[in-house]
Structure formats: structure tokens, C-alpha cells
Amino acid sequence: MKIQIIGAAGTGKSTLGEFIAKKEQIKWIDTDSYIWKDNRFTESYAIDERLTMYQYDRKTNKDFVASGSVFAWNPNGFTDRDLLIFLYLDEELRFKRLEKREIERGGKSALNLDEQGNQTNDFLEWCKTYHTAKNPSDIGTYAEHSYQLEHSISPILKLNSNQSLASLYHTIISTLKKEQNNH
């Protein structure tokens, strides 16, 4: 079982990936761990270090669920997956999730007020570009994800993540079983 989950920040990729990994007792790969050296997301690994970590995970784990994308620095990464899942979510709900997460990670001081009186920070401002970025090489954007979806050789499952983890899991496992029966 090789699953990759992509989608905008705040759609629940990591939460779902970890849930699936526990249920199936397989490796959960959070692709942020390839990029960031710390939980504050301030210092990143060099690309050669990322590739070394990726290659190690692939050599040591036959089955996995990967949350996130490696496409920007490893275009052929995870292309042998059994299923590519694209999570989407209403933008208002996505930003409520993101604001809550930012406060949980950094306290109320992690956010400041913009000119309209909305809570924000550099990360949230970047998240606002998800649908407007046009270049597929722009990491973590709809342009990047659309490119991956268009060029995927594996089956694709698009899911609204505004449902229970159990429901998402059931849909994913059912889809995988159908795909396995078709091959």
C-alpha cells in the first residue's frame, strides 16, 4: 500500500496520513520532515539532504502513506504510488483551521492584525496564494497540485476533507480495494 496525499495547507493531509498509517500499521511520511529541520519551520534542509532522507524511507518501507508533496525538489518522488489523494476544503474553514494551528504552535503572538483587522502572519499570507499562483514549480500551490494530478500514472481520489477521519479512511480503503481488483 503506497498512498500520497496532497492538497492545500490546512486541508488535513498530515492528520489523515497519520490516521491511515496507524490503522494500517504502515510508515507515515510527513514530507515537511524532509524540508524543515525544526518544528518552527525556520531552517530548511538542502536538497541533497532531502533526497537522502527520501531514498532511505523508500528503501526501508515497502508500504507507506505520505502527507504532502516532494515534487518541487524530487519530481519523480512517489510516482510508483497506488493512489494519489487530493484533499480540498472550503477556504473559510481552511483558514480557520490554519489560524487555530498557528496559535497552537506559536501562541497568540504568532499572529498580527492586518489593515482590515484580520489575524495573519507570513505563512497565512503565503497560504492565500494557493489558488492564485500559476507556475507548477511554486511549491504547495494549486498549480503544482494540478500538474501532479494531470500527470499522475496512479489512480486519483479527490476528497472534501470536511468529514470524519473514519469516513475518509473508509472511502480510501474502498477505492484501493477496487483498484486492486481491477488489476
Protein backbone atom coordinates (compact mmCIF):
# COMPACT_ATOMS: atom_id res chain seq x y z
CA MET A 1 0.00 0.00 0.00
CA LYS A 2 1.56 3.24 -1.22
CA ILE A 3 -0.56 6.34 -0.74
CA GLN A 4 0.29 10.01 -1.26
CA ILE A 5 -1.95 12.82 -0.02
CA ILE A 6 -1.68 16.32 -1.48
CA GLY A 7 -3.73 19.48 -1.06
CA ALA A 8 -3.54 22.99 0.33
CA ALA A 9 -2.15 23.73 3.78
CA GLY A 10 -4.89 23.21 6.34
CA THR A 11 -6.85 20.55 4.45
CA GLY A 12 -5.79 17.82 6.87
CA LYS A 13 -3.11 15.94 4.93
CA SER A 14 -0.95 15.17 7.97
CA THR A 15 -3.90 14.34 10.22
CA LEU A 16 -5.32 11.93 7.65
CA GLY A 17 -1.93 10.44 6.78
CA GLU A 18 -1.13 9.71 10.40
CA PHE A 19 -4.62 8.21 10.90
CA ILE A 20 -4.24 5.87 7.92
CA ALA A 21 -0.73 4.84 8.98
CA LYS A 22 -1.94 3.88 12.46
CA LYS A 23 -4.94 1.97 11.11
CA GLU A 24 -2.87 0.09 8.53
CA GLN A 25 0.29 -0.15 10.68
CA ILE A 26 2.46 1.31 7.94
CA LYS A 27 5.02 4.10 7.79
CA TRP A 28 3.69 7.66 7.84
CA ILE A 29 5.90 10.09 5.95
CA ASP A 30 5.26 13.76 6.62
CA THR A 31 7.06 15.43 3.71
CA ASP A 32 7.56 18.55 5.84
CA SER A 33 10.17 16.50 7.74
CA TYR A 34 12.23 16.36 4.54
CA ILE A 35 12.12 20.12 4.20
CA TRP A 36 12.27 21.60 7.70
CA LYS A 37 14.94 20.99 10.33
CA ASP A 38 12.70 22.14 13.18
CA ASN A 39 9.03 22.43 14.16
CA ARG A 40 9.20 26.22 13.82
CA PHE A 41 9.74 25.94 10.06
CA THR A 42 12.64 28.38 10.10
CA GLU A 43 15.58 26.36 8.77
CA SER A 44 15.38 24.01 5.80
CA TYR A 45 17.45 21.08 4.63
CA ALA A 46 19.47 21.27 1.43
CA ILE A 47 18.00 19.32 -1.49
CA ASP A 48 20.70 16.63 -1.34
CA GLU A 49 19.83 16.02 2.33
CA ARG A 50 16.13 15.79 1.44
CA LEU A 51 16.86 13.26 -1.28
CA THR A 52 18.94 11.15 1.12
CA MET A 53 16.06 11.06 3.65
CA TYR A 54 13.54 10.28 0.91
CA GLN A 55 15.68 7.47 -0.50
CA TYR A 56 16.17 5.97 2.96
CA ASP A 57 12.41 5.98 3.61
CA ARG A 58 11.73 4.33 0.26
CA LYS A 59 14.38 1.62 0.80
CA THR A 60 13.18 0.80 4.32
CA ASN A 61 9.39 0.97 3.85
CA LYS A 62 7.52 -1.16 1.32
CA ASP A 63 4.20 0.34 2.42
CA PHE A 64 3.63 3.95 3.39
CA VAL A 65 1.31 6.91 3.41
CA ALA A 66 2.95 10.22 2.52
CA SER A 67 1.36 13.53 3.53
CA GLY A 68 2.45 16.30 1.21
CA SER A 69 4.45 16.71 -1.94
CA VAL A 70 8.11 16.36 -2.88
CA PHE A 71 7.50 17.38 -6.48
CA ALA A 72 9.31 20.74 -6.37
CA TRP A 73 12.64 19.13 -5.41
CA ASN A 74 12.06 15.50 -6.47
CA PRO A 75 9.68 15.41 -9.48
CA ASN A 76 9.75 11.59 -9.67
CA GLY A 77 9.11 11.11 -5.97
CA PHE A 78 6.26 8.76 -5.01
CA THR A 79 5.26 8.26 -8.66
CA ASP A 80 5.00 4.50 -8.02
CA ARG A 81 2.18 5.06 -5.51
CA ASP A 82 -1.01 3.02 -5.60
CA LEU A 83 -3.24 6.05 -5.03
CA LEU A 84 -2.89 9.83 -5.17
CA ILE A 85 -5.36 11.61 -2.92
CA PHE A 86 -6.17 15.28 -3.39
CA LEU A 87 -7.81 16.89 -0.36
CA TYR A 88 -9.80 20.09 -0.71
CA LEU A 89 -11.77 22.19 1.75
CA ASP A 90 -13.90 25.32 1.83
CA GLU A 91 -11.49 28.29 2.03
CA GLU A 92 -13.15 29.89 5.07
CA LEU A 93 -12.93 26.66 7.05
CA ARG A 94 -9.37 26.05 5.83
CA PHE A 95 -8.26 29.44 7.12
CA LYS A 96 -10.00 28.92 10.46
CA ARG A 97 -8.03 25.68 10.80
CA LEU A 98 -4.80 27.41 9.81
CA GLU A 99 -5.27 30.31 12.25
CA LYS A 100 -6.02 27.86 15.08
CA ARG A 101 -2.93 25.81 14.22
CA GLU A 102 -0.71 28.89 14.09
CA ILE A 103 -1.87 29.94 17.56
CA GLU A 104 -1.38 26.39 18.90
CA ARG A 105 2.17 26.33 17.53
CA GLY A 106 3.29 29.83 18.43
CA GLY A 107 0.80 31.36 20.84
CA LYS A 108 -1.32 34.43 20.15
CA SER A 109 1.83 36.38 19.34
CA ALA A 110 2.27 34.17 16.25
CA LEU A 111 -0.39 36.28 14.53
CA ASN A 112 -0.77 40.01 13.99
CA LEU A 113 -3.58 42.13 12.63
CA ASP A 114 -3.58 43.22 9.01
CA GLU A 115 -5.01 46.50 7.72
CA GLN A 116 -8.53 45.01 7.70
CA GLY A 117 -8.20 43.76 11.28
CA ASN A 118 -7.79 40.09 10.33
CA GLN A 119 -5.31 37.84 12.12
CA THR A 120 -2.40 36.93 9.86
CA ASN A 121 1.32 36.21 9.56
CA ASP A 122 3.74 35.47 6.72
CA PHE A 123 2.66 31.83 6.49
CA LEU A 124 -1.05 32.68 6.30
CA GLU A 125 -0.32 35.32 3.66
CA TRP A 126 1.52 32.68 1.63
CA CYS A 127 -1.47 30.31 2.07
CA LYS A 128 -3.66 32.92 0.41
CA THR A 129 -1.69 32.40 -2.83
CA TYR A 130 -2.70 28.73 -3.11
CA HIS A 131 -5.28 29.35 -5.85
CA THR A 132 -3.65 32.39 -7.49
CA ALA A 133 -0.13 31.04 -8.13
CA LYS A 134 0.17 29.95 -11.77
CA ASN A 135 3.55 28.18 -12.01
CA PRO A 136 3.59 24.42 -11.27
CA SER A 137 7.05 24.87 -9.74
CA ASP A 138 5.51 27.04 -6.98
CA ILE A 139 5.60 24.58 -4.11
CA GLY A 140 2.39 23.89 -2.23
CA THR A 141 0.09 25.62 -4.71
CA TYR A 142 -2.93 24.53 -6.71
CA ALA A 143 -0.82 24.98 -9.86
CA GLU A 144 1.68 22.41 -8.56
CA HIS A 145 -1.04 20.03 -7.40
CA SER A 146 -2.98 20.35 -10.67
CA TYR A 147 0.15 19.47 -12.61
CA GLN A 148 0.65 16.37 -10.46
CA LEU A 149 -2.98 15.33 -10.89
CA GLU A 150 -2.82 15.79 -14.67
CA HIS A 151 0.37 13.74 -14.97
CA SER A 152 -0.28 11.04 -12.38
CA ILE A 153 0.09 7.47 -13.58
CA SER A 154 -1.65 6.24 -10.44
CA PRO A 155 -5.38 6.43 -9.72
CA ILE A 156 -6.59 9.72 -8.22
CA LEU A 157 -9.14 10.25 -5.49
CA LYS A 158 -10.39 13.79 -4.79
CA LEU A 159 -11.95 14.20 -1.35
CA ASN A 160 -13.54 17.05 0.57
CA SER A 161 -11.76 16.81 3.92
CA ASN A 162 -14.70 18.30 5.82
CA GLN A 163 -15.77 14.85 7.02
CA SER A 164 -14.65 12.47 9.72
CA LEU A 165 -11.30 10.71 9.51
CA ALA A 166 -13.13 7.39 9.71
CA SER A 167 -15.26 8.31 6.69
CA LEU A 168 -12.25 9.48 4.66
CA TYR A 169 -10.35 6.31 5.62
CA HIS A 170 -13.26 4.08 4.58
CA THR A 171 -13.50 5.79 1.19
CA ILE A 172 -9.75 5.50 0.62
CA ILE A 173 -9.54 1.82 1.56
CA SER A 174 -12.62 1.01 -0.56
CA THR A 175 -11.04 2.79 -3.52
CA LEU A 176 -7.75 0.93 -3.08
CA LYS A 177 -9.57 -2.42 -2.96
CA LYS A 178 -11.50 -1.59 -6.14
CA GLU A 179 -8.28 -0.59 -7.90
CA GLN A 180 -6.53 -3.79 -6.81
CA ASN A 181 -9.45 -5.87 -8.11
CA ASN A 182 -9.23 -4.07 -11.47
CA HIS A 183 -5.56 -5.07 -11.90
